[in-house]
Amino acid sequence: MQQEPISLRIQRLRRKELPVATLAMARFLIGKTLIRELWNDRLSGRIVETEAYPAGDASGHAFRGETQSNHSLFLGPGHAYVHLNYGVAITLNVTSELPGTGAGVLLRALEPLEGISVMERRRGTKRLLDLARGPGRLTEALAIDLRHDGVDLCDVGPLWLGAAVKPRGPIGTSVRIGITREADRLRRFYERGNPFVSGPQRLRT
């Protein structure tokens, strides 16, 4: 098992740094850091895999317009849209586009950085590769739930986005995973060669 860093100095992302376009946001987030503040622990990980769901995408949750359940997708860039997917897994998306336009970027996988022992307890495994590889595992490992829907990820709070803590590798692009509508669109982005990326081997190289 790898050694946990005691603490990382992570600079909070400012909203003006975020691209106001969903596909650009999905690429931009690769290599950045997701931080979850608990009362006595800090959990963090490098974002290594994302999927873009731009405005008008038939597979996106905003496709049929704004509702009470997807309201957070319309808040403008840099907010959390937390969703219970098929009644089974909690997923975390980062909103994109201008306020009033529903779009977001699904965070699919993290490379754990801080709070690994807490993630292990929450996930019930010591297998590092499986702590946050996949959108449902990611939220379980970082104790993210529906209470975080709408959180401003660029502000002080329990969940926020930080700058990269190490250089990012080359970015790969592929079709998205587990969807049926607009399934041929190349809207999934990942850090090539990173073992924490999810999905079949052909979509990770």
N, C-alpha and C. Protein backbone atom coordinates (compact mmCIF):
# COMPACT_ATOMS: atom_id res chain seq x y z
N MET A 1 0.85 -1.20 0.00
CA MET A 1 0.00 0.00 0.00
C MET A 1 0.87 1.24 0.00
N GLN A 2 0.51 2.24 -0.79
CA GLN A 2 1.32 3.43 -0.88
C GLN A 2 1.18 4.30 0.37
N GLN A 3 2.21 5.10 0.65
CA GLN A 3 2.21 5.99 1.81
C GLN A 3 1.29 7.18 1.55
N GLU A 4 0.48 7.51 2.54
CA GLU A 4 -0.39 8.68 2.42
C GLU A 4 0.38 9.95 2.74
N PRO A 5 0.23 11.01 1.93
CA PRO A 5 0.82 12.29 2.31
C PRO A 5 0.09 12.85 3.52
N ILE A 6 0.82 13.52 4.40
CA ILE A 6 0.20 14.10 5.59
C ILE A 6 -0.79 15.18 5.18
N SER A 7 -0.38 16.07 4.29
CA SER A 7 -1.27 17.12 3.83
C SER A 7 -0.71 17.70 2.55
N LEU A 8 -1.58 17.97 1.62
CA LEU A 8 -1.19 18.60 0.36
C LEU A 8 -1.66 20.04 0.35
N ARG A 9 -0.85 20.91 -0.20
CA ARG A 9 -1.27 22.30 -0.38
C ARG A 9 -1.95 22.39 -1.74
N ILE A 10 -3.25 22.55 -1.72
CA ILE A 10 -4.04 22.53 -2.95
C ILE A 10 -4.72 23.88 -3.10
N GLN A 11 -4.51 24.50 -4.23
CA GLN A 11 -5.11 25.81 -4.50
C GLN A 11 -6.52 25.62 -5.04
N ARG A 12 -7.46 26.33 -4.47
CA ARG A 12 -8.86 26.24 -4.90
C ARG A 12 -9.01 26.83 -6.31
N LEU A 13 -9.76 26.15 -7.17
CA LEU A 13 -10.04 26.69 -8.50
C LEU A 13 -11.01 27.87 -8.39
N ARG A 14 -10.73 28.89 -9.16
CA ARG A 14 -11.64 30.04 -9.22
C ARG A 14 -12.58 29.88 -10.41
N ARG A 15 -13.79 30.39 -10.26
CA ARG A 15 -14.77 30.21 -11.31
C ARG A 15 -14.29 30.77 -12.66
N LYS A 16 -13.56 31.87 -12.61
CA LYS A 16 -13.10 32.48 -13.87
C LYS A 16 -12.09 31.60 -14.60
N GLU A 17 -11.53 30.60 -13.91
CA GLU A 17 -10.62 29.66 -14.57
C GLU A 17 -11.36 28.58 -15.34
N LEU A 18 -12.63 28.37 -15.03
CA LEU A 18 -13.38 27.27 -15.63
C LEU A 18 -13.83 27.61 -17.04
N PRO A 19 -13.65 26.70 -17.99
CA PRO A 19 -14.18 26.93 -19.33
C PRO A 19 -15.70 26.96 -19.31
N VAL A 20 -16.30 27.85 -20.09
CA VAL A 20 -17.76 27.91 -20.16
C VAL A 20 -18.19 27.18 -21.44
N ALA A 21 -17.90 25.91 -21.47
CA ALA A 21 -18.27 25.01 -22.56
C ALA A 21 -18.05 23.60 -22.04
N THR A 22 -19.02 22.73 -22.22
CA THR A 22 -19.01 21.45 -21.52
C THR A 22 -17.86 20.55 -21.93
N LEU A 23 -17.61 20.41 -23.23
CA LEU A 23 -16.52 19.53 -23.65
C LEU A 23 -15.17 20.08 -23.19
N ALA A 24 -15.01 21.39 -23.25
CA ALA A 24 -13.77 22.00 -22.76
C ALA A 24 -13.63 21.77 -21.26
N MET A 25 -14.72 21.86 -20.52
CA MET A 25 -14.69 21.62 -19.09
C MET A 25 -14.28 20.17 -18.79
N ALA A 26 -14.81 19.24 -19.55
CA ALA A 26 -14.51 17.82 -19.33
C ALA A 26 -13.01 17.55 -19.50
N ARG A 27 -12.40 18.18 -20.47
CA ARG A 27 -10.96 18.04 -20.67
C ARG A 27 -10.18 18.78 -19.59
N PHE A 28 -10.64 19.97 -19.26
CA PHE A 28 -9.97 20.82 -18.28
C PHE A 28 -9.86 20.13 -16.92
N LEU A 29 -10.89 19.39 -16.54
CA LEU A 29 -10.92 18.78 -15.21
C LEU A 29 -9.97 17.61 -15.05
N ILE A 30 -9.52 17.01 -16.15
CA ILE A 30 -8.58 15.91 -16.04
C ILE A 30 -7.27 16.41 -15.40
N GLY A 31 -6.87 15.76 -14.33
CA GLY A 31 -5.67 16.16 -13.61
C GLY A 31 -5.92 17.12 -12.46
N LYS A 32 -7.12 17.73 -12.42
CA LYS A 32 -7.44 18.61 -11.30
C LYS A 32 -7.81 17.77 -10.08
N THR A 33 -8.06 18.42 -8.96
CA THR A 33 -8.26 17.71 -7.69
C THR A 33 -9.67 17.93 -7.16
N LEU A 34 -10.26 16.88 -6.63
CA LEU A 34 -11.54 16.96 -5.95
C LEU A 34 -11.28 16.77 -4.46
N ILE A 35 -11.80 17.68 -3.64
CA ILE A 35 -11.54 17.65 -2.20
C ILE A 35 -12.85 17.56 -1.43
N ARG A 36 -12.90 16.65 -0.48
CA ARG A 36 -14.05 16.49 0.42
C ARG A 36 -13.58 16.74 1.85
N GLU A 37 -14.13 17.77 2.46
CA GLU A 37 -13.76 18.14 3.83
C GLU A 37 -14.73 17.48 4.81
N LEU A 38 -14.20 16.64 5.68
CA LEU A 38 -14.97 16.08 6.78
C LEU A 38 -14.57 16.81 8.06
N TRP A 39 -15.30 16.57 9.13
CA TRP A 39 -15.04 17.36 10.34
C TRP A 39 -13.65 17.10 10.91
N ASN A 40 -13.09 15.89 10.68
CA ASN A 40 -11.75 15.62 11.19
C ASN A 40 -10.82 14.98 10.17
N ASP A 41 -11.23 14.98 8.92
CA ASP A 41 -10.42 14.38 7.85
C ASP A 41 -10.60 15.17 6.56
N ARG A 42 -9.61 15.08 5.70
CA ARG A 42 -9.75 15.61 4.34
C ARG A 42 -9.47 14.49 3.36
N LEU A 43 -10.40 14.26 2.46
CA LEU A 43 -10.27 13.25 1.42
C LEU A 43 -10.06 13.98 0.09
N SER A 44 -9.16 13.48 -0.71
CA SER A 44 -8.95 14.13 -2.01
C SER A 44 -8.46 13.11 -3.03
N GLY A 45 -8.62 13.48 -4.29
CA GLY A 45 -8.14 12.64 -5.38
C GLY A 45 -8.00 13.43 -6.66
N ARG A 46 -7.12 12.94 -7.52
CA ARG A 46 -6.95 13.52 -8.85
C ARG A 46 -8.06 13.03 -9.76
N ILE A 47 -8.68 13.93 -10.49
CA ILE A 47 -9.70 13.54 -11.46
C ILE A 47 -9.01 12.97 -12.69
N VAL A 48 -9.28 11.71 -13.01
CA VAL A 48 -8.59 11.07 -14.12
C VAL A 48 -9.54 10.62 -15.24
N GLU A 49 -10.86 10.80 -15.04
CA GLU A 49 -11.80 10.37 -16.06
C GLU A 49 -13.09 11.17 -15.94
N THR A 50 -13.58 11.69 -17.06
CA THR A 50 -14.81 12.48 -17.07
C THR A 50 -15.65 12.12 -18.29
N GLU A 51 -16.92 12.48 -18.25
CA GLU A 51 -17.80 12.39 -19.41
C GLU A 51 -18.57 13.69 -19.55
N ALA A 52 -18.65 14.21 -20.75
CA ALA A 52 -19.35 15.46 -21.01
C ALA A 52 -20.78 15.20 -21.45
N TYR A 53 -21.71 15.99 -20.88
CA TYR A 53 -23.12 15.95 -21.26
C TYR A 53 -23.56 17.37 -21.56
N PRO A 54 -23.23 17.86 -22.76
CA PRO A 54 -23.53 19.26 -23.11
C PRO A 54 -25.01 19.51 -23.33
N ALA A 55 -25.36 20.77 -23.42
CA ALA A 55 -26.76 21.15 -23.67
C ALA A 55 -27.25 20.49 -24.95
N GLY A 56 -28.45 19.94 -24.89
CA GLY A 56 -29.05 19.29 -26.06
C GLY A 56 -28.67 17.84 -26.23
N ASP A 57 -27.81 17.31 -25.39
CA ASP A 57 -27.41 15.91 -25.47
C ASP A 57 -28.58 15.04 -25.00
N ALA A 58 -29.04 14.14 -25.85
CA ALA A 58 -30.21 13.32 -25.53
C ALA A 58 -29.99 12.39 -24.36
N SER A 59 -28.74 12.12 -24.00
CA SER A 59 -28.46 11.25 -22.86
C SER A 59 -28.26 12.05 -21.57
N GLY A 60 -28.30 13.38 -21.65
CA GLY A 60 -28.10 14.22 -20.48
C GLY A 60 -29.37 14.41 -19.67
N HIS A 61 -29.22 14.66 -18.39
CA HIS A 61 -30.37 14.83 -17.51
C HIS A 61 -31.12 16.14 -17.75
N ALA A 62 -30.52 17.07 -18.46
CA ALA A 62 -31.17 18.36 -18.73
C ALA A 62 -31.89 18.39 -20.08
N PHE A 63 -31.91 17.27 -20.78
CA PHE A 63 -32.41 17.25 -22.15
C PHE A 63 -33.86 17.71 -22.27
N ARG A 64 -34.69 17.36 -21.29
CA ARG A 64 -36.12 17.72 -21.35
C ARG A 64 -36.43 19.00 -20.59
N GLY A 65 -35.39 19.74 -20.21
CA GLY A 65 -35.61 21.01 -19.54
C GLY A 65 -35.41 20.94 -18.04
N GLU A 66 -35.54 22.08 -17.41
CA GLU A 66 -35.29 22.19 -15.98
C GLU A 66 -36.46 21.65 -15.16
N THR A 67 -36.13 20.88 -14.14
CA THR A 67 -37.12 20.34 -13.21
C THR A 67 -36.60 20.55 -11.78
N GLN A 68 -37.39 20.20 -10.82
CA GLN A 68 -36.94 20.33 -9.43
C GLN A 68 -35.74 19.44 -9.16
N SER A 69 -35.69 18.26 -9.75
CA SER A 69 -34.61 17.32 -9.47
C SER A 69 -33.31 17.65 -10.18
N ASN A 70 -33.37 18.35 -11.34
CA ASN A 70 -32.13 18.67 -12.06
C ASN A 70 -31.79 20.16 -12.03
N HIS A 71 -32.42 20.89 -11.13
CA HIS A 71 -32.23 22.34 -11.05
C HIS A 71 -30.75 22.74 -10.97
N SER A 72 -29.94 21.96 -10.25
CA SER A 72 -28.53 22.32 -10.07
C SER A 72 -27.76 22.37 -11.37
N LEU A 73 -28.21 21.61 -12.38
CA LEU A 73 -27.51 21.61 -13.67
C LEU A 73 -27.60 22.96 -14.37
N PHE A 74 -28.49 23.82 -13.93
CA PHE A 74 -28.74 25.10 -14.60
C PHE A 74 -28.13 26.29 -13.83
N LEU A 75 -27.30 26.01 -12.82
CA LEU A 75 -26.77 27.07 -11.96
C LEU A 75 -25.57 27.81 -12.55
N GLY A 76 -25.03 27.32 -13.65
CA GLY A 76 -23.81 27.92 -14.19
C GLY A 76 -22.60 27.09 -13.80
N PRO A 77 -21.44 27.37 -14.36
CA PRO A 77 -20.28 26.51 -14.17
C PRO A 77 -19.78 26.45 -12.73
N GLY A 78 -19.33 25.23 -12.34
CA GLY A 78 -18.66 25.08 -11.06
C GLY A 78 -19.52 24.72 -9.88
N HIS A 79 -20.69 24.15 -10.13
CA HIS A 79 -21.54 23.67 -9.04
C HIS A 79 -21.66 22.15 -9.11
N ALA A 80 -22.06 21.56 -7.99
CA ALA A 80 -22.24 20.11 -7.95
C ALA A 80 -23.66 19.74 -8.32
N TYR A 81 -23.80 18.80 -9.23
CA TYR A 81 -25.09 18.17 -9.50
C TYR A 81 -24.95 16.72 -9.06
N VAL A 82 -25.60 16.38 -7.96
CA VAL A 82 -25.51 15.05 -7.38
C VAL A 82 -26.82 14.33 -7.63
N HIS A 83 -26.71 13.12 -8.18
CA HIS A 83 -27.89 12.41 -8.67
C HIS A 83 -27.85 10.96 -8.22
N LEU A 84 -29.01 10.42 -7.86
CA LEU A 84 -29.14 8.99 -7.57
C LEU A 84 -29.45 8.27 -8.87
N ASN A 85 -28.48 7.55 -9.38
CA ASN A 85 -28.57 6.94 -10.70
C ASN A 85 -29.27 5.59 -10.62
N TYR A 86 -30.43 5.46 -11.30
CA TYR A 86 -31.21 4.23 -11.33
C TYR A 86 -31.54 3.73 -9.92
N GLY A 87 -31.62 4.64 -8.96
CA GLY A 87 -31.95 4.26 -7.59
C GLY A 87 -30.90 3.45 -6.89
N VAL A 88 -29.68 3.41 -7.45
CA VAL A 88 -28.64 2.54 -6.89
C VAL A 88 -27.40 3.32 -6.47
N ALA A 89 -26.81 4.07 -7.38
CA ALA A 89 -25.53 4.72 -7.12
C ALA A 89 -25.64 6.24 -7.19
N ILE A 90 -25.00 6.91 -6.26
CA ILE A 90 -24.90 8.37 -6.28
C ILE A 90 -23.79 8.75 -7.26
N THR A 91 -24.07 9.74 -8.12
CA THR A 91 -23.04 10.23 -9.04
C THR A 91 -22.85 11.73 -8.86
N LEU A 92 -21.65 12.19 -9.15
CA LEU A 92 -21.31 13.61 -9.01
C LEU A 92 -20.96 14.18 -10.38
N ASN A 93 -21.61 15.30 -10.70
CA ASN A 93 -21.33 16.03 -11.92
C ASN A 93 -20.91 17.46 -11.58
N VAL A 94 -20.07 18.03 -12.42
CA VAL A 94 -19.70 19.45 -12.30
C VAL A 94 -20.47 20.20 -13.38
N THR A 95 -21.24 21.20 -12.98
CA THR A 95 -22.05 21.92 -13.95
C THR A 95 -21.17 22.77 -14.86
N SER A 96 -21.68 23.01 -16.05
CA SER A 96 -20.93 23.77 -17.06
C SER A 96 -21.91 24.68 -17.80
N GLU A 97 -21.41 25.46 -18.70
CA GLU A 97 -22.20 26.42 -19.48
C GLU A 97 -22.68 27.58 -18.60
N LEU A 98 -23.34 28.55 -19.22
CA LEU A 98 -23.81 29.74 -18.51
C LEU A 98 -25.05 29.43 -17.68
N PRO A 99 -25.32 30.24 -16.64
CA PRO A 99 -26.54 30.03 -15.85
C PRO A 99 -27.78 29.99 -16.74
N GLY A 100 -28.66 29.04 -16.46
CA GLY A 100 -29.87 28.89 -17.26
C GLY A 100 -29.75 27.84 -18.35
N THR A 101 -28.53 27.40 -18.63
CA THR A 101 -28.31 26.35 -19.62
C THR A 101 -27.91 25.07 -18.89
N GLY A 102 -28.69 24.02 -19.05
CA GLY A 102 -28.44 22.78 -18.33
C GLY A 102 -27.40 21.91 -19.01
N ALA A 103 -26.28 21.69 -18.33
CA ALA A 103 -25.21 20.85 -18.87
C ALA A 103 -24.26 20.51 -17.73
N GLY A 104 -23.52 19.42 -17.91
CA GLY A 104 -22.59 19.04 -16.85
C GLY A 104 -21.57 18.02 -17.29
N VAL A 105 -20.62 17.78 -16.40
CA VAL A 105 -19.54 16.83 -16.63
C VAL A 105 -19.57 15.80 -15.51
N LEU A 106 -19.77 14.55 -15.86
CA LEU A 106 -19.76 13.47 -14.89
C LEU A 106 -18.33 13.13 -14.51
N LEU A 107 -18.06 13.07 -13.20
CA LEU A 107 -16.74 12.62 -12.73
C LEU A 107 -16.81 11.10 -12.58
N ARG A 108 -16.01 10.40 -13.38
CA ARG A 108 -16.07 8.94 -13.41
C ARG A 108 -15.03 8.25 -12.54
N ALA A 109 -13.88 8.87 -12.32
CA ALA A 109 -12.84 8.18 -11.56
C ALA A 109 -11.84 9.17 -10.97
N LEU A 110 -11.32 8.79 -9.79
CA LEU A 110 -10.29 9.56 -9.10
C LEU A 110 -9.09 8.67 -8.81
N GLU A 111 -7.92 9.29 -8.77
CA GLU A 111 -6.71 8.67 -8.24
C GLU A 111 -6.58 9.17 -6.80
N PRO A 112 -6.79 8.31 -5.79
CA PRO A 112 -6.80 8.77 -4.40
C PRO A 112 -5.49 9.44 -3.99
N LEU A 113 -5.60 10.52 -3.21
CA LEU A 113 -4.44 11.25 -2.73
C LEU A 113 -4.40 11.30 -1.20
N GLU A 114 -5.41 11.90 -0.60
CA GLU A 114 -5.45 12.06 0.84
C GLU A 114 -6.64 11.31 1.44
N GLY A 115 -6.48 10.88 2.70
CA GLY A 115 -7.58 10.20 3.38
C GLY A 115 -7.84 8.80 2.87
N ILE A 116 -6.80 8.13 2.40
CA ILE A 116 -6.98 6.81 1.81
C ILE A 116 -7.52 5.81 2.82
N SER A 117 -7.06 5.88 4.05
CA SER A 117 -7.56 4.94 5.07
C SER A 117 -9.06 5.12 5.31
N VAL A 118 -9.54 6.37 5.25
CA VAL A 118 -10.98 6.62 5.40
C VAL A 118 -11.72 6.05 4.20
N MET A 119 -11.18 6.26 3.01
CA MET A 119 -11.80 5.71 1.80
C MET A 119 -11.88 4.18 1.90
N GLU A 120 -10.85 3.55 2.40
CA GLU A 120 -10.83 2.10 2.53
C GLU A 120 -11.96 1.62 3.46
N ARG A 121 -12.15 2.32 4.57
CA ARG A 121 -13.21 1.95 5.50
C ARG A 121 -14.59 2.13 4.86
N ARG A 122 -14.74 3.23 4.15
CA ARG A 122 -16.04 3.51 3.53
C ARG A 122 -16.34 2.50 2.42
N ARG A 123 -15.33 2.10 1.69
CA ARG A 123 -15.54 1.19 0.56
C ARG A 123 -15.45 -0.28 0.96
N GLY A 124 -14.92 -0.56 2.16
CA GLY A 124 -14.81 -1.94 2.60
C GLY A 124 -13.78 -2.74 1.84
N THR A 125 -12.73 -2.06 1.36
CA THR A 125 -11.66 -2.74 0.63
C THR A 125 -10.36 -1.96 0.81
N LYS A 126 -9.25 -2.69 0.76
CA LYS A 126 -7.94 -2.06 0.79
C LYS A 126 -7.30 -2.05 -0.59
N ARG A 127 -8.05 -2.46 -1.59
CA ARG A 127 -7.53 -2.44 -2.96
C ARG A 127 -7.57 -1.01 -3.48
N LEU A 128 -6.42 -0.39 -3.55
CA LEU A 128 -6.31 1.03 -3.89
C LEU A 128 -6.97 1.35 -5.22
N LEU A 129 -6.79 0.48 -6.20
CA LEU A 129 -7.32 0.74 -7.54
C LEU A 129 -8.84 0.82 -7.56
N ASP A 130 -9.49 0.16 -6.60
CA ASP A 130 -10.95 0.10 -6.62
C ASP A 130 -11.62 1.09 -5.69
N LEU A 131 -10.86 1.97 -5.05
CA LEU A 131 -11.47 2.90 -4.11
C LEU A 131 -12.38 3.91 -4.80
N ALA A 132 -11.94 4.46 -5.91
CA ALA A 132 -12.72 5.53 -6.56
C ALA A 132 -12.71 5.38 -8.07
N ARG A 133 -12.63 4.15 -8.54
CA ARG A 133 -12.64 3.87 -9.99
C ARG A 133 -14.06 3.52 -10.40
N GLY A 134 -14.76 4.51 -10.94
CA GLY A 134 -16.17 4.38 -11.28
C GLY A 134 -16.97 5.42 -10.53
N PRO A 135 -18.01 5.99 -11.14
CA PRO A 135 -18.72 7.13 -10.53
C PRO A 135 -19.39 6.82 -9.20
N GLY A 136 -19.93 5.61 -9.03
CA GLY A 136 -20.56 5.25 -7.77
C GLY A 136 -19.54 5.00 -6.67
N ARG A 137 -18.44 4.38 -7.00
CA ARG A 137 -17.38 4.15 -6.02
C ARG A 137 -16.78 5.48 -5.57
N LEU A 138 -16.63 6.39 -6.51
CA LEU A 138 -16.06 7.72 -6.22
C LEU A 138 -16.86 8.42 -5.12
N THR A 139 -18.16 8.48 -5.27
CA THR A 139 -18.97 9.20 -4.28
C THR A 139 -19.03 8.44 -2.96
N GLU A 140 -19.04 7.13 -3.00
CA GLU A 140 -19.03 6.36 -1.76
C GLU A 140 -17.73 6.57 -1.00
N ALA A 141 -16.61 6.55 -1.71
CA ALA A 141 -15.30 6.72 -1.07
C ALA A 141 -15.16 8.08 -0.42
N LEU A 142 -15.74 9.13 -1.04
CA LEU A 142 -15.58 10.49 -0.54
C LEU A 142 -16.77 10.98 0.27
N ALA A 143 -17.67 10.08 0.63
CA ALA A 143 -18.83 10.45 1.45
C ALA A 143 -19.64 11.59 0.84
N ILE A 144 -19.88 11.48 -0.47
CA ILE A 144 -20.69 12.46 -1.19
C ILE A 144 -22.09 11.90 -1.34
N ASP A 145 -23.10 12.70 -0.98
CA ASP A 145 -24.47 12.24 -1.08
C ASP A 145 -25.36 13.37 -1.59
N LEU A 146 -26.66 13.14 -1.60
CA LEU A 146 -27.60 14.09 -2.18
C LEU A 146 -27.61 15.44 -1.46
N ARG A 147 -27.12 15.49 -0.24
CA ARG A 147 -27.04 16.77 0.48
C ARG A 147 -26.06 17.73 -0.19
N HIS A 148 -25.18 17.20 -1.03
CA HIS A 148 -24.19 18.05 -1.69
C HIS A 148 -24.66 18.57 -3.04
N ASP A 149 -25.87 18.21 -3.43
CA ASP A 149 -26.41 18.73 -4.68
C ASP A 149 -26.51 20.25 -4.62
N GLY A 150 -25.96 20.93 -5.61
CA GLY A 150 -26.00 22.39 -5.67
C GLY A 150 -24.86 23.09 -4.99
N VAL A 151 -23.96 22.36 -4.33
CA VAL A 151 -22.82 22.98 -3.64
C VAL A 151 -21.95 23.74 -4.64
N ASP A 152 -21.49 24.92 -4.24
CA ASP A 152 -20.59 25.71 -5.07
C ASP A 152 -19.18 25.14 -4.92
N LEU A 153 -18.67 24.52 -5.95
CA LEU A 153 -17.38 23.85 -5.91
C LEU A 153 -16.20 24.81 -5.99
N CYS A 154 -16.47 26.09 -6.14
CA CYS A 154 -15.41 27.10 -6.18
C CYS A 154 -15.37 27.92 -4.90
N ASP A 155 -16.15 27.53 -3.91
CA ASP A 155 -16.25 28.28 -2.67
C ASP A 155 -15.81 27.40 -1.50
N VAL A 156 -15.61 28.02 -0.35
CA VAL A 156 -15.29 27.28 0.87
C VAL A 156 -16.48 26.43 1.25
N GLY A 157 -16.25 25.16 1.53
CA GLY A 157 -17.35 24.29 1.88
C GLY A 157 -16.90 22.85 1.99
N PRO A 158 -17.85 21.93 2.07
CA PRO A 158 -17.52 20.52 2.28
C PRO A 158 -16.97 19.81 1.05
N LEU A 159 -17.16 20.41 -0.12
CA LEU A 159 -16.76 19.78 -1.37
C LEU A 159 -16.30 20.87 -2.32
N TRP A 160 -15.07 20.73 -2.84
CA TRP A 160 -14.57 21.78 -3.72
C TRP A 160 -13.56 21.24 -4.71
N LEU A 161 -13.28 22.05 -5.73
CA LEU A 161 -12.33 21.70 -6.78
C LEU A 161 -11.02 22.44 -6.57
N GLY A 162 -9.91 21.71 -6.74
CA GLY A 162 -8.60 22.30 -6.59
C GLY A 162 -7.76 22.14 -7.85
N ALA A 163 -6.68 22.89 -7.89
CA ALA A 163 -5.75 22.82 -9.01
C ALA A 163 -5.02 21.48 -9.01
N ALA A 164 -4.31 21.20 -10.07
CA ALA A 164 -3.53 19.97 -10.17
C ALA A 164 -2.38 19.99 -9.17
N VAL A 165 -2.07 18.83 -8.61
CA VAL A 165 -0.96 18.72 -7.67
C VAL A 165 0.27 18.09 -8.31
N LYS A 166 0.12 17.60 -9.54
CA LYS A 166 1.25 17.08 -10.30
C LYS A 166 0.93 17.17 -11.78
N PRO A 167 1.92 17.10 -12.64
CA PRO A 167 1.66 17.24 -14.07
C PRO A 167 0.68 16.18 -14.59
N ARG A 168 -0.14 16.60 -15.52
CA ARG A 168 -1.12 15.71 -16.13
C ARG A 168 -0.51 14.99 -17.32
N GLY A 169 -0.87 13.73 -17.51
CA GLY A 169 -0.43 12.99 -18.68
C GLY A 169 -1.29 13.28 -19.89
N PRO A 170 -1.00 12.63 -21.02
CA PRO A 170 -1.80 12.81 -22.23
C PRO A 170 -3.25 12.43 -22.00
N ILE A 171 -4.16 13.14 -22.67
CA ILE A 171 -5.59 12.89 -22.52
C ILE A 171 -6.08 12.03 -23.68
N GLY A 172 -6.81 10.96 -23.32
CA GLY A 172 -7.46 10.12 -24.31
C GLY A 172 -8.93 10.49 -24.44
N THR A 173 -9.54 10.12 -25.55
CA THR A 173 -10.94 10.41 -25.82
C THR A 173 -11.63 9.15 -26.31
N SER A 174 -12.87 8.93 -25.88
CA SER A 174 -13.61 7.75 -26.34
C SER A 174 -15.10 8.03 -26.27
N VAL A 175 -15.87 7.01 -26.66
CA VAL A 175 -17.32 7.06 -26.44
C VAL A 175 -17.58 6.96 -24.94
N ARG A 176 -18.78 7.36 -24.54
CA ARG A 176 -19.15 7.28 -23.13
C ARG A 176 -19.59 5.86 -22.78
N ILE A 177 -19.65 5.59 -21.48
CA ILE A 177 -19.90 4.24 -20.99
C ILE A 177 -21.32 4.12 -20.43
N GLY A 178 -22.03 3.07 -20.81
CA GLY A 178 -23.31 2.75 -20.20
C GLY A 178 -24.49 3.59 -20.63
N ILE A 179 -24.43 4.18 -21.82
CA ILE A 179 -25.56 4.96 -22.32
C ILE A 179 -26.04 4.36 -23.64
N THR A 180 -27.27 4.72 -24.03
CA THR A 180 -27.83 4.20 -25.28
C THR A 180 -28.12 5.29 -26.29
N ARG A 181 -28.38 6.51 -25.84
CA ARG A 181 -28.66 7.62 -26.75
C ARG A 181 -27.39 8.41 -27.01
N GLU A 182 -27.16 8.75 -28.27
CA GLU A 182 -25.95 9.47 -28.69
C GLU A 182 -24.69 8.76 -28.19
N ALA A 183 -24.75 7.43 -28.23
CA ALA A 183 -23.69 6.61 -27.67
C ALA A 183 -22.40 6.64 -28.49
N ASP A 184 -22.49 7.14 -29.73
CA ASP A 184 -21.30 7.18 -30.58
C ASP A 184 -20.48 8.45 -30.41
N ARG A 185 -20.95 9.39 -29.61
CA ARG A 185 -20.24 10.66 -29.45
C ARG A 185 -18.98 10.47 -28.61
N LEU A 186 -17.89 11.10 -29.06
CA LEU A 186 -16.61 11.00 -28.34
C LEU A 186 -16.58 12.08 -27.26
N ARG A 187 -17.23 11.78 -26.14
CA ARG A 187 -17.38 12.77 -25.08
C ARG A 187 -16.88 12.26 -23.73
N ARG A 188 -16.07 11.25 -23.75
CA ARG A 188 -15.42 10.74 -22.54
C ARG A 188 -13.93 11.06 -22.63
N PHE A 189 -13.36 11.56 -21.53
CA PHE A 189 -11.96 11.97 -21.50
C PHE A 189 -11.27 11.31 -20.31
N TYR A 190 -10.01 10.96 -20.48
CA TYR A 190 -9.29 10.26 -19.41
C TYR A 190 -7.79 10.47 -19.57
N GLU A 191 -7.08 10.28 -18.46
CA GLU A 191 -5.62 10.38 -18.50
C GLU A 191 -5.06 9.04 -18.99
N ARG A 192 -4.43 9.06 -20.15
CA ARG A 192 -3.92 7.83 -20.74
C ARG A 192 -2.90 7.15 -19.82
N GLY A 193 -3.02 5.84 -19.71
CA GLY A 193 -2.07 5.06 -18.94
C GLY A 193 -2.28 5.09 -17.44
N ASN A 194 -3.29 5.82 -16.97
CA ASN A 194 -3.52 5.88 -15.53
C ASN A 194 -4.33 4.66 -15.09
N PRO A 195 -3.84 3.87 -14.15
CA PRO A 195 -4.52 2.63 -13.75
C PRO A 195 -5.83 2.85 -13.01
N PHE A 196 -6.10 4.10 -12.59
CA PHE A 196 -7.32 4.38 -11.85
C PHE A 196 -8.51 4.70 -12.75
N VAL A 197 -8.29 4.75 -14.06
CA VAL A 197 -9.37 4.99 -15.01
C VAL A 197 -10.27 3.76 -15.07
N SER A 198 -11.58 3.97 -15.18
CA SER A 198 -12.53 2.86 -15.20
C SER A 198 -12.80 2.41 -16.63
N GLY A 199 -13.63 1.38 -16.74
CA GLY A 199 -14.05 0.92 -18.05
C GLY A 199 -13.19 -0.21 -18.59
N PRO A 200 -13.61 -0.80 -19.70
CA PRO A 200 -12.84 -1.89 -20.31
C PRO A 200 -11.47 -1.42 -20.81
N GLN A 201 -10.56 -2.35 -20.93
CA GLN A 201 -9.18 -2.04 -21.30
C GLN A 201 -9.11 -1.26 -22.62
N ARG A 202 -9.97 -1.58 -23.56
CA ARG A 202 -9.92 -0.91 -24.87
C ARG A 202 -10.27 0.57 -24.76
N LEU A 203 -10.94 0.98 -23.66
CA LEU A 203 -11.30 2.39 -23.47
C LEU A 203 -10.41 3.07 -22.44
N ARG A 204 -9.26 2.45 -22.10
CA ARG A 204 -8.38 3.03 -21.09
C ARG A 204 -6.96 3.26 -21.59
N THR A 205 -6.67 2.85 -22.82
CA THR A 205 -5.30 2.95 -23.32
C THR A 205 -5.13 4.17 -24.22
